[in-house]
């Protein structure tokens, strides 16, 4: 009976870890009274978020995220899409 309980507990812990990696967060910085970049990344880490989408390529946030295992995607604004898609030099310079 103890072995069954241990197996069940192990599977429960493993399933929780797998589910947590599926959590994704959109991280925008427009608003009032927002936490600092450091505090925001710590919140993401405490949530065990697996991925985050940024609305800009903020160097401080990218530096902080580089020290985590969180997958990052950076959004390109709507008004930038056409010029980036049409011109490789523009795409290379995008930040």
Protein backbone atom coordinates (compact mmCIF):
# COMPACT_ATOMS: atom_id res chain seq x y z
CA UNK A 1 0.00 0.00 0.00
CA UNK A 2 2.85 2.37 0.82
CA UNK A 3 4.40 1.70 -2.60
CA UNK A 4 1.13 2.59 -4.35
CA UNK A 5 0.88 5.85 -2.38
CA UNK A 6 4.49 6.73 -3.23
CA UNK A 7 3.88 6.00 -6.93
CA UNK A 8 0.71 8.11 -6.90
CA UNK A 9 2.50 11.01 -5.19
CA UNK A 10 5.39 10.81 -7.68
CA UNK A 11 3.00 10.92 -10.64
CA UNK A 12 1.13 13.84 -9.08
CA UNK A 13 4.35 15.85 -8.64
CA UNK A 14 5.48 15.01 -12.19
CA UNK A 15 2.12 15.99 -13.71
CA UNK A 16 2.21 19.31 -11.84
CA UNK A 17 5.69 20.06 -13.21
CA UNK A 18 4.60 19.25 -16.75
CA UNK A 19 1.46 21.41 -16.45
CA UNK A 20 3.45 24.35 -15.07
CA UNK A 21 5.74 24.36 -18.12
CA UNK A 22 2.65 24.92 -20.26
CA UNK A 23 1.79 28.22 -18.53
CA UNK A 24 2.46 31.18 -20.80
CA UNK A 25 2.26 34.84 -19.88
CA UNK A 26 1.90 37.99 -21.99
CA UNK A 27 4.13 40.67 -20.46
CA UNK A 28 3.27 44.25 -21.32
CA UNK A 29 4.67 47.32 -19.66
CA UNK A 30 1.94 49.88 -20.31
CA UNK A 31 0.06 50.79 -17.16
CA UNK A 32 0.28 52.40 -13.78
CA UNK A 33 1.91 51.06 -10.64
CA UNK A 34 3.68 48.15 -12.38
CA UNK A 35 6.35 46.10 -10.61
CA UNK A 36 9.97 46.56 -11.66
CA UNK A 37 11.42 44.34 -14.38
CA UNK A 38 13.24 42.30 -11.72
CA UNK A 39 10.06 41.84 -9.66
CA UNK A 40 8.09 40.88 -12.78
CA UNK A 41 10.58 38.18 -13.74
CA UNK A 42 10.59 36.87 -10.17
CA UNK A 43 6.79 36.64 -10.34
CA UNK A 44 7.06 34.65 -13.58
CA UNK A 45 9.61 32.35 -11.95
CA UNK A 46 7.43 31.85 -8.86
CA UNK A 47 4.51 30.94 -11.17
CA UNK A 48 6.83 28.46 -12.88
CA UNK A 49 5.79 29.94 -16.22
CA UNK A 50 7.22 28.08 -19.18
CA UNK A 51 7.01 30.92 -21.67
CA UNK A 52 6.51 34.65 -21.92
CA UNK A 53 5.56 36.92 -24.82
CA UNK A 54 7.09 40.40 -24.71
CA UNK A 55 5.57 43.36 -26.49
CA UNK A 56 8.97 44.95 -27.06
CA UNK A 57 12.65 44.02 -26.91
CA UNK A 58 13.50 45.73 -23.63
CA UNK A 59 17.20 45.01 -22.96
CA UNK A 60 16.83 44.86 -19.17
CA UNK A 61 13.96 42.37 -19.34
CA UNK A 62 15.79 40.23 -21.91
CA UNK A 63 18.91 40.23 -19.72
CA UNK A 64 16.88 39.09 -16.70
CA UNK A 65 15.06 36.41 -18.70
CA UNK A 66 18.36 35.09 -20.06
CA UNK A 67 19.08 33.82 -16.55
CA UNK A 68 15.93 31.67 -16.51
CA UNK A 69 14.60 28.63 -18.33
CA UNK A 70 11.58 30.61 -19.54
CA UNK A 71 11.02 30.52 -23.31
CA UNK A 72 10.73 34.03 -24.74
CA UNK A 73 8.99 35.37 -27.84
CA UNK A 74 9.10 39.04 -28.80
CA UNK A 75 6.23 40.65 -30.64
CA UNK A 76 6.73 42.94 -33.60
CA UNK A 77 4.26 45.83 -33.66
CA UNK A 78 1.68 45.92 -36.45
CA UNK A 79 3.19 49.03 -38.05
CA UNK A 80 6.61 47.32 -38.27
CA UNK A 81 5.48 44.04 -39.85
CA UNK A 82 5.36 45.17 -43.50
CA UNK A 83 8.76 46.89 -43.49
CA UNK A 84 10.45 44.01 -41.66
CA UNK A 85 8.88 41.41 -43.96
CA UNK A 86 9.84 43.36 -47.07
CA UNK A 87 13.43 44.26 -46.24
CA UNK A 88 16.09 41.98 -44.75
CA UNK A 89 18.27 44.95 -43.72
CA UNK A 90 15.35 46.41 -41.75
CA UNK A 91 14.73 43.03 -40.15
CA UNK A 92 18.40 42.75 -39.15
CA UNK A 93 18.28 46.19 -37.53
CA UNK A 94 15.00 45.60 -35.68
CA UNK A 95 15.10 45.82 -31.90
